[in-house]
Amino acid sequence: MTDPIVTPLGYSHVRLTVTDIHRSKAFYRALFGMEPGSDFSDQIDDPTIHDDPDRTYGGCSFTFGGQTLGLRPVALADDRFDPNRVGLDHLSLRVASVADLHTAAERLAEAGIEHGEVTDLPAFGLVILSLQDPDDINLELAAPRG
């Protein structure tokens, strides 16, 4: 091994490209139970917003655990996520326990949000719960096996 070019401490942020900022913001607000910390979605009809990184292109972001998930509303309305294209395969969000996964599954069902089953992945030391966001981006909630 050689000396690393950089020694990352973790992720600073991830930004997802979405088709409809209001729909996606509502989904993630319900999923996380919080308001975005940064939100320029009320300016989405401003013709200059899609070129303005200081206003996050008309998007918003949620910060938790020292990390940020941003939403960038620049995709065409009929576009959908494809995990088989170059880029993101899925986004896995860590939760504290397997019990949290079961609670999340119940709450997702109550909210009418389709999701998979709580699934044990012994080879990875994880238990997961999968769901899709409004643009069909695969999200995974993951907990340590315990």
N, C-alpha and C. Protein backbone atom coordinates (compact mmCIF):
# COMPACT_ATOMS: atom_id res chain seq x y z
N MET A 1 0.84 -1.18 0.00
CA MET A 1 0.00 0.00 0.00
C MET A 1 0.89 1.24 0.00
N THR A 2 0.33 2.28 -0.57
CA THR A 2 1.03 3.55 -0.57
C THR A 2 0.33 4.50 0.40
N ASP A 3 0.93 5.64 0.62
CA ASP A 3 0.29 6.64 1.47
C ASP A 3 -1.00 7.09 0.80
N PRO A 4 -2.06 7.23 1.58
CA PRO A 4 -3.33 7.66 0.97
C PRO A 4 -3.24 9.09 0.46
N ILE A 5 -3.97 9.38 -0.59
CA ILE A 5 -4.09 10.74 -1.09
C ILE A 5 -4.87 11.57 -0.09
N VAL A 6 -5.89 10.96 0.52
CA VAL A 6 -6.74 11.63 1.50
C VAL A 6 -7.22 10.59 2.50
N THR A 7 -7.51 11.01 3.72
CA THR A 7 -8.06 10.11 4.73
C THR A 7 -9.43 10.64 5.12
N PRO A 8 -10.48 10.17 4.45
CA PRO A 8 -11.83 10.69 4.75
C PRO A 8 -12.28 10.27 6.14
N LEU A 9 -13.07 11.14 6.74
CA LEU A 9 -13.63 10.87 8.06
C LEU A 9 -15.07 10.38 7.97
N GLY A 10 -15.63 10.37 6.78
CA GLY A 10 -17.01 9.98 6.55
C GLY A 10 -17.56 10.83 5.41
N TYR A 11 -18.84 10.80 5.24
CA TYR A 11 -19.48 11.60 4.20
C TYR A 11 -19.90 12.95 4.77
N SER A 12 -19.66 13.97 4.01
CA SER A 12 -20.13 15.30 4.38
C SER A 12 -21.60 15.42 3.99
N HIS A 13 -21.89 15.08 2.72
CA HIS A 13 -23.26 15.14 2.25
C HIS A 13 -23.43 14.30 0.99
N VAL A 14 -24.65 13.97 0.71
CA VAL A 14 -25.06 13.31 -0.52
C VAL A 14 -26.21 14.14 -1.05
N ARG A 15 -26.21 14.40 -2.35
CA ARG A 15 -27.33 15.14 -2.94
C ARG A 15 -27.95 14.28 -4.02
N LEU A 16 -29.26 14.11 -3.93
CA LEU A 16 -30.02 13.32 -4.89
C LEU A 16 -30.72 14.25 -5.88
N THR A 17 -30.66 13.91 -7.15
CA THR A 17 -31.38 14.66 -8.18
C THR A 17 -32.81 14.15 -8.22
N VAL A 18 -33.77 15.07 -8.14
CA VAL A 18 -35.18 14.70 -8.08
C VAL A 18 -35.97 15.43 -9.17
N THR A 19 -37.15 14.92 -9.46
CA THR A 19 -38.00 15.52 -10.50
C THR A 19 -38.94 16.58 -9.96
N ASP A 20 -39.45 16.39 -8.75
CA ASP A 20 -40.45 17.29 -8.18
C ASP A 20 -40.05 17.59 -6.74
N ILE A 21 -39.52 18.77 -6.50
CA ILE A 21 -38.98 19.11 -5.19
C ILE A 21 -40.05 19.08 -4.10
N HIS A 22 -41.24 19.51 -4.41
CA HIS A 22 -42.28 19.53 -3.37
C HIS A 22 -42.68 18.11 -2.96
N ARG A 23 -42.82 17.23 -3.93
CA ARG A 23 -43.16 15.82 -3.64
C ARG A 23 -42.03 15.14 -2.86
N SER A 24 -40.79 15.34 -3.32
CA SER A 24 -39.65 14.71 -2.65
C SER A 24 -39.44 15.28 -1.26
N LYS A 25 -39.57 16.60 -1.12
CA LYS A 25 -39.40 17.21 0.20
C LYS A 25 -40.45 16.65 1.17
N ALA A 26 -41.68 16.52 0.73
CA ALA A 26 -42.74 15.98 1.60
C ALA A 26 -42.42 14.53 2.01
N PHE A 27 -41.92 13.73 1.07
CA PHE A 27 -41.57 12.34 1.36
C PHE A 27 -40.46 12.28 2.42
N TYR A 28 -39.38 13.00 2.20
CA TYR A 28 -38.26 12.93 3.14
C TYR A 28 -38.60 13.60 4.46
N ARG A 29 -39.43 14.62 4.45
CA ARG A 29 -39.87 15.25 5.70
C ARG A 29 -40.63 14.22 6.53
N ALA A 30 -41.51 13.46 5.89
CA ALA A 30 -42.27 12.42 6.60
C ALA A 30 -41.34 11.29 7.06
N LEU A 31 -40.40 10.90 6.20
CA LEU A 31 -39.49 9.81 6.54
C LEU A 31 -38.61 10.17 7.73
N PHE A 32 -38.08 11.39 7.74
CA PHE A 32 -37.16 11.80 8.80
C PHE A 32 -37.84 12.49 9.97
N GLY A 33 -39.10 12.90 9.82
CA GLY A 33 -39.81 13.59 10.90
C GLY A 33 -39.20 14.93 11.25
N MET A 34 -38.69 15.62 10.25
CA MET A 34 -38.06 16.93 10.48
C MET A 34 -38.22 17.81 9.25
N GLU A 35 -38.11 19.09 9.48
CA GLU A 35 -38.10 20.05 8.39
C GLU A 35 -36.69 20.14 7.82
N PRO A 36 -36.56 20.52 6.55
CA PRO A 36 -35.22 20.72 6.00
C PRO A 36 -34.51 21.85 6.74
N GLY A 37 -33.21 21.73 6.90
CA GLY A 37 -32.43 22.79 7.52
C GLY A 37 -32.13 23.91 6.55
N SER A 38 -32.06 23.58 5.29
CA SER A 38 -31.85 24.54 4.22
C SER A 38 -32.94 24.27 3.19
N ASP A 39 -33.63 25.33 2.74
CA ASP A 39 -34.76 25.09 1.83
C ASP A 39 -34.98 26.29 0.92
N PHE A 40 -34.75 26.08 -0.36
CA PHE A 40 -35.00 27.10 -1.37
C PHE A 40 -36.09 26.65 -2.33
N SER A 41 -36.86 25.64 -1.95
CA SER A 41 -37.88 25.10 -2.84
C SER A 41 -39.01 26.09 -3.12
N ASP A 42 -39.19 27.08 -2.24
CA ASP A 42 -40.23 28.08 -2.48
C ASP A 42 -39.85 29.00 -3.65
N GLN A 43 -38.60 28.91 -4.12
CA GLN A 43 -38.13 29.73 -5.24
C GLN A 43 -38.03 28.94 -6.54
N ILE A 44 -38.60 27.73 -6.57
CA ILE A 44 -38.43 26.84 -7.71
C ILE A 44 -38.93 27.45 -9.03
N ASP A 45 -39.87 28.37 -8.98
CA ASP A 45 -40.37 28.99 -10.21
C ASP A 45 -39.52 30.15 -10.70
N ASP A 46 -38.50 30.54 -9.94
CA ASP A 46 -37.57 31.58 -10.36
C ASP A 46 -36.70 31.00 -11.49
N PRO A 47 -36.70 31.60 -12.67
CA PRO A 47 -35.95 31.03 -13.80
C PRO A 47 -34.44 30.96 -13.59
N THR A 48 -33.91 31.69 -12.60
CA THR A 48 -32.46 31.66 -12.37
C THR A 48 -32.05 30.62 -11.33
N ILE A 49 -32.99 29.99 -10.68
CA ILE A 49 -32.69 29.10 -9.55
C ILE A 49 -31.88 27.87 -9.95
N HIS A 50 -32.15 27.29 -11.14
CA HIS A 50 -31.47 26.05 -11.54
C HIS A 50 -29.98 26.25 -11.81
N ASP A 51 -29.54 27.51 -11.90
CA ASP A 51 -28.13 27.81 -12.13
C ASP A 51 -27.45 28.38 -10.89
N ASP A 52 -28.10 28.33 -9.75
CA ASP A 52 -27.59 29.01 -8.57
C ASP A 52 -27.23 28.03 -7.45
N PRO A 53 -25.93 27.67 -7.34
CA PRO A 53 -25.53 26.74 -6.29
C PRO A 53 -25.72 27.31 -4.88
N ASP A 54 -25.68 28.65 -4.75
CA ASP A 54 -25.88 29.25 -3.42
C ASP A 54 -27.29 29.03 -2.90
N ARG A 55 -28.24 28.81 -3.81
CA ARG A 55 -29.63 28.51 -3.43
C ARG A 55 -29.92 27.04 -3.72
N THR A 56 -28.89 26.25 -3.71
CA THR A 56 -28.95 24.80 -3.95
C THR A 56 -29.89 24.41 -5.07
N TYR A 57 -29.87 25.23 -6.15
CA TYR A 57 -30.62 24.94 -7.37
C TYR A 57 -32.12 24.81 -7.13
N GLY A 58 -32.60 25.43 -6.05
CA GLY A 58 -34.02 25.34 -5.73
C GLY A 58 -34.35 24.14 -4.86
N GLY A 59 -33.34 23.51 -4.32
CA GLY A 59 -33.54 22.31 -3.52
C GLY A 59 -33.59 22.58 -2.03
N CYS A 60 -33.42 21.51 -1.28
CA CYS A 60 -33.42 21.60 0.18
C CYS A 60 -32.51 20.51 0.71
N SER A 61 -32.25 20.55 2.02
CA SER A 61 -31.40 19.52 2.60
C SER A 61 -31.80 19.23 4.04
N PHE A 62 -31.55 18.00 4.44
CA PHE A 62 -31.84 17.51 5.78
C PHE A 62 -30.52 17.08 6.41
N THR A 63 -30.25 17.53 7.63
CA THR A 63 -29.00 17.17 8.31
C THR A 63 -29.32 16.38 9.57
N PHE A 64 -28.65 15.25 9.71
CA PHE A 64 -28.81 14.37 10.86
C PHE A 64 -27.51 13.63 11.07
N GLY A 65 -27.14 13.42 12.30
CA GLY A 65 -25.91 12.68 12.61
C GLY A 65 -24.67 13.31 12.01
N GLY A 66 -24.67 14.63 11.83
CA GLY A 66 -23.51 15.30 11.26
C GLY A 66 -23.35 15.16 9.77
N GLN A 67 -24.34 14.58 9.10
CA GLN A 67 -24.29 14.39 7.66
C GLN A 67 -25.54 14.99 7.04
N THR A 68 -25.45 15.35 5.76
CA THR A 68 -26.55 16.03 5.09
C THR A 68 -26.99 15.27 3.85
N LEU A 69 -28.31 15.18 3.68
CA LEU A 69 -28.90 14.64 2.47
C LEU A 69 -29.60 15.79 1.77
N GLY A 70 -29.15 16.12 0.57
CA GLY A 70 -29.74 17.21 -0.19
C GLY A 70 -30.58 16.70 -1.34
N LEU A 71 -31.54 17.51 -1.75
CA LEU A 71 -32.41 17.21 -2.89
C LEU A 71 -32.21 18.32 -3.92
N ARG A 72 -31.90 17.95 -5.14
CA ARG A 72 -31.67 18.92 -6.22
C ARG A 72 -32.70 18.69 -7.33
N PRO A 73 -33.61 19.63 -7.53
CA PRO A 73 -34.72 19.43 -8.46
C PRO A 73 -34.41 19.86 -9.90
N VAL A 74 -33.56 19.09 -10.57
CA VAL A 74 -33.21 19.44 -11.95
C VAL A 74 -33.51 18.34 -12.96
N ALA A 75 -34.03 17.21 -12.53
CA ALA A 75 -34.33 16.12 -13.45
C ALA A 75 -35.62 16.42 -14.21
N LEU A 76 -35.70 15.87 -15.42
CA LEU A 76 -36.93 16.01 -16.21
C LEU A 76 -38.07 15.29 -15.52
N ALA A 77 -39.28 15.80 -15.68
CA ALA A 77 -40.45 15.28 -14.96
C ALA A 77 -40.70 13.80 -15.19
N ASP A 78 -40.37 13.28 -16.37
CA ASP A 78 -40.65 11.87 -16.66
C ASP A 78 -39.45 10.96 -16.40
N ASP A 79 -38.35 11.50 -15.87
CA ASP A 79 -37.17 10.70 -15.59
C ASP A 79 -37.40 9.86 -14.34
N ARG A 80 -36.76 8.71 -14.26
CA ARG A 80 -36.82 7.85 -13.08
C ARG A 80 -35.44 7.27 -12.83
N PHE A 81 -35.18 6.99 -11.58
CA PHE A 81 -33.91 6.43 -11.15
C PHE A 81 -33.67 5.07 -11.79
N ASP A 82 -32.41 4.78 -12.12
CA ASP A 82 -32.03 3.48 -12.66
C ASP A 82 -30.74 3.04 -11.97
N PRO A 83 -30.82 2.04 -11.08
CA PRO A 83 -29.63 1.61 -10.35
C PRO A 83 -28.59 0.93 -11.23
N ASN A 84 -28.93 0.65 -12.50
CA ASN A 84 -28.02 -0.02 -13.41
C ASN A 84 -27.23 0.95 -14.28
N ARG A 85 -27.41 2.25 -14.06
CA ARG A 85 -26.62 3.26 -14.77
C ARG A 85 -25.47 3.70 -13.87
N VAL A 86 -24.47 4.31 -14.46
CA VAL A 86 -23.34 4.82 -13.68
C VAL A 86 -23.86 5.81 -12.65
N GLY A 87 -23.37 5.71 -11.44
CA GLY A 87 -23.79 6.60 -10.38
C GLY A 87 -24.29 5.83 -9.18
N LEU A 88 -25.32 6.31 -8.58
CA LEU A 88 -25.85 5.74 -7.35
C LEU A 88 -26.58 4.42 -7.59
N ASP A 89 -26.30 3.42 -6.77
CA ASP A 89 -27.04 2.16 -6.79
C ASP A 89 -28.18 2.24 -5.78
N HIS A 90 -27.86 2.65 -4.57
CA HIS A 90 -28.86 2.87 -3.53
C HIS A 90 -28.22 3.70 -2.43
N LEU A 91 -29.04 4.22 -1.56
CA LEU A 91 -28.56 5.00 -0.42
C LEU A 91 -28.99 4.27 0.83
N SER A 92 -28.03 3.92 1.67
CA SER A 92 -28.31 3.21 2.90
C SER A 92 -28.16 4.16 4.07
N LEU A 93 -29.20 4.26 4.88
CA LEU A 93 -29.22 5.12 6.07
C LEU A 93 -29.16 4.24 7.31
N ARG A 94 -28.20 4.51 8.17
CA ARG A 94 -28.01 3.69 9.37
C ARG A 94 -29.01 4.09 10.45
N VAL A 95 -29.60 3.10 11.09
CA VAL A 95 -30.45 3.32 12.26
C VAL A 95 -29.83 2.56 13.42
N ALA A 96 -30.30 2.81 14.62
CA ALA A 96 -29.64 2.28 15.82
C ALA A 96 -29.83 0.79 16.04
N SER A 97 -31.03 0.26 15.69
CA SER A 97 -31.28 -1.14 16.07
C SER A 97 -32.25 -1.82 15.12
N VAL A 98 -32.29 -3.12 15.20
CA VAL A 98 -33.24 -3.91 14.43
C VAL A 98 -34.66 -3.56 14.85
N ALA A 99 -34.86 -3.27 16.13
CA ALA A 99 -36.19 -2.84 16.59
C ALA A 99 -36.62 -1.57 15.86
N ASP A 100 -35.68 -0.66 15.59
CA ASP A 100 -36.00 0.55 14.84
C ASP A 100 -36.47 0.22 13.42
N LEU A 101 -35.90 -0.83 12.83
CA LEU A 101 -36.33 -1.25 11.49
C LEU A 101 -37.78 -1.75 11.52
N HIS A 102 -38.12 -2.54 12.53
CA HIS A 102 -39.49 -3.04 12.64
C HIS A 102 -40.47 -1.90 12.90
N THR A 103 -40.07 -0.94 13.72
CA THR A 103 -40.92 0.23 13.95
C THR A 103 -41.08 1.02 12.65
N ALA A 104 -40.00 1.19 11.92
CA ALA A 104 -40.06 1.91 10.64
C ALA A 104 -40.99 1.20 9.66
N ALA A 105 -40.92 -0.13 9.60
CA ALA A 105 -41.79 -0.88 8.69
C ALA A 105 -43.26 -0.65 9.05
N GLU A 106 -43.58 -0.65 10.33
CA GLU A 106 -44.95 -0.38 10.76
C GLU A 106 -45.39 1.03 10.39
N ARG A 107 -44.51 2.00 10.63
CA ARG A 107 -44.85 3.40 10.35
C ARG A 107 -44.94 3.66 8.85
N LEU A 108 -44.09 3.00 8.06
CA LEU A 108 -44.19 3.13 6.60
C LEU A 108 -45.52 2.58 6.12
N ALA A 109 -45.91 1.42 6.64
CA ALA A 109 -47.20 0.83 6.26
C ALA A 109 -48.35 1.75 6.62
N GLU A 110 -48.31 2.33 7.83
CA GLU A 110 -49.35 3.26 8.26
C GLU A 110 -49.42 4.48 7.36
N ALA A 111 -48.27 4.91 6.82
CA ALA A 111 -48.22 6.08 5.95
C ALA A 111 -48.53 5.72 4.49
N GLY A 112 -48.75 4.43 4.22
CA GLY A 112 -49.05 4.00 2.85
C GLY A 112 -47.83 4.00 1.94
N ILE A 113 -46.64 3.89 2.51
CA ILE A 113 -45.40 3.86 1.73
C ILE A 113 -44.97 2.41 1.56
N GLU A 114 -44.89 1.97 0.31
CA GLU A 114 -44.47 0.60 0.03
C GLU A 114 -43.04 0.38 0.51
N HIS A 115 -42.78 -0.83 0.99
CA HIS A 115 -41.45 -1.16 1.49
C HIS A 115 -41.27 -2.66 1.46
N GLY A 116 -40.04 -3.10 1.58
CA GLY A 116 -39.74 -4.52 1.64
C GLY A 116 -39.89 -5.05 3.05
N GLU A 117 -39.40 -6.24 3.24
CA GLU A 117 -39.41 -6.88 4.54
C GLU A 117 -38.12 -6.57 5.28
N VAL A 118 -38.14 -6.62 6.58
CA VAL A 118 -36.91 -6.54 7.37
C VAL A 118 -36.13 -7.82 7.06
N THR A 119 -34.90 -7.65 6.55
CA THR A 119 -34.12 -8.77 6.02
C THR A 119 -32.75 -8.83 6.67
N ASP A 120 -32.42 -10.00 7.18
CA ASP A 120 -31.13 -10.24 7.81
C ASP A 120 -30.08 -10.53 6.74
N LEU A 121 -28.95 -9.85 6.79
CA LEU A 121 -27.83 -10.08 5.87
C LEU A 121 -26.60 -10.46 6.69
N PRO A 122 -26.52 -11.71 7.16
CA PRO A 122 -25.44 -12.12 8.06
C PRO A 122 -24.04 -11.85 7.50
N ALA A 123 -23.85 -12.02 6.21
CA ALA A 123 -22.52 -11.84 5.62
C ALA A 123 -22.02 -10.40 5.76
N PHE A 124 -22.93 -9.46 5.92
CA PHE A 124 -22.56 -8.06 6.05
C PHE A 124 -22.71 -7.54 7.49
N GLY A 125 -23.24 -8.39 8.38
CA GLY A 125 -23.45 -7.96 9.77
C GLY A 125 -24.56 -6.94 9.90
N LEU A 126 -25.50 -6.95 8.95
CA LEU A 126 -26.57 -5.97 8.92
C LEU A 126 -27.94 -6.62 8.80
N VAL A 127 -28.93 -5.87 9.22
CA VAL A 127 -30.34 -6.16 8.94
C VAL A 127 -30.85 -4.92 8.23
N ILE A 128 -31.61 -5.12 7.14
CA ILE A 128 -32.03 -3.98 6.33
C ILE A 128 -33.53 -3.96 6.08
N LEU A 129 -34.00 -2.80 5.67
CA LEU A 129 -35.37 -2.58 5.24
C LEU A 129 -35.29 -1.66 4.04
N SER A 130 -35.80 -2.09 2.89
CA SER A 130 -35.71 -1.31 1.66
C SER A 130 -37.03 -0.62 1.33
N LEU A 131 -36.92 0.55 0.71
CA LEU A 131 -38.08 1.28 0.21
C LEU A 131 -37.63 2.15 -0.94
N GLN A 132 -38.57 2.68 -1.70
CA GLN A 132 -38.28 3.55 -2.83
C GLN A 132 -38.79 4.96 -2.53
N ASP A 133 -38.02 5.97 -2.95
CA ASP A 133 -38.52 7.34 -2.81
C ASP A 133 -39.41 7.68 -4.00
N PRO A 134 -39.97 8.87 -4.08
CA PRO A 134 -40.90 9.20 -5.17
C PRO A 134 -40.30 9.12 -6.58
N ASP A 135 -38.97 9.23 -6.71
CA ASP A 135 -38.32 9.10 -8.01
C ASP A 135 -37.76 7.69 -8.22
N ASP A 136 -38.18 6.75 -7.39
CA ASP A 136 -37.79 5.35 -7.44
C ASP A 136 -36.34 5.11 -7.02
N ILE A 137 -35.74 6.07 -6.30
CA ILE A 137 -34.40 5.86 -5.76
C ILE A 137 -34.52 4.86 -4.61
N ASN A 138 -33.71 3.81 -4.68
CA ASN A 138 -33.76 2.79 -3.65
C ASN A 138 -33.08 3.29 -2.38
N LEU A 139 -33.85 3.30 -1.29
CA LEU A 139 -33.33 3.63 0.02
C LEU A 139 -33.30 2.37 0.86
N GLU A 140 -32.31 2.29 1.70
CA GLU A 140 -32.18 1.13 2.58
C GLU A 140 -31.96 1.67 3.98
N LEU A 141 -32.72 1.18 4.91
CA LEU A 141 -32.48 1.47 6.32
C LEU A 141 -31.70 0.27 6.84
N ALA A 142 -30.59 0.52 7.51
CA ALA A 142 -29.72 -0.58 7.94
C ALA A 142 -29.37 -0.46 9.42
N ALA A 143 -29.39 -1.59 10.10
CA ALA A 143 -29.04 -1.67 11.52
C ALA A 143 -28.02 -2.78 11.71
N PRO A 144 -27.16 -2.64 12.71
CA PRO A 144 -26.24 -3.74 13.01
C PRO A 144 -27.02 -4.98 13.46
N ARG A 145 -26.52 -6.15 13.11
CA ARG A 145 -27.21 -7.40 13.43
C ARG A 145 -27.42 -7.57 14.92
N GLY A 146 -26.59 -7.00 15.72
CA GLY A 146 -26.86 -7.01 17.08
C GLY A 146 -26.24 -7.79 18.08
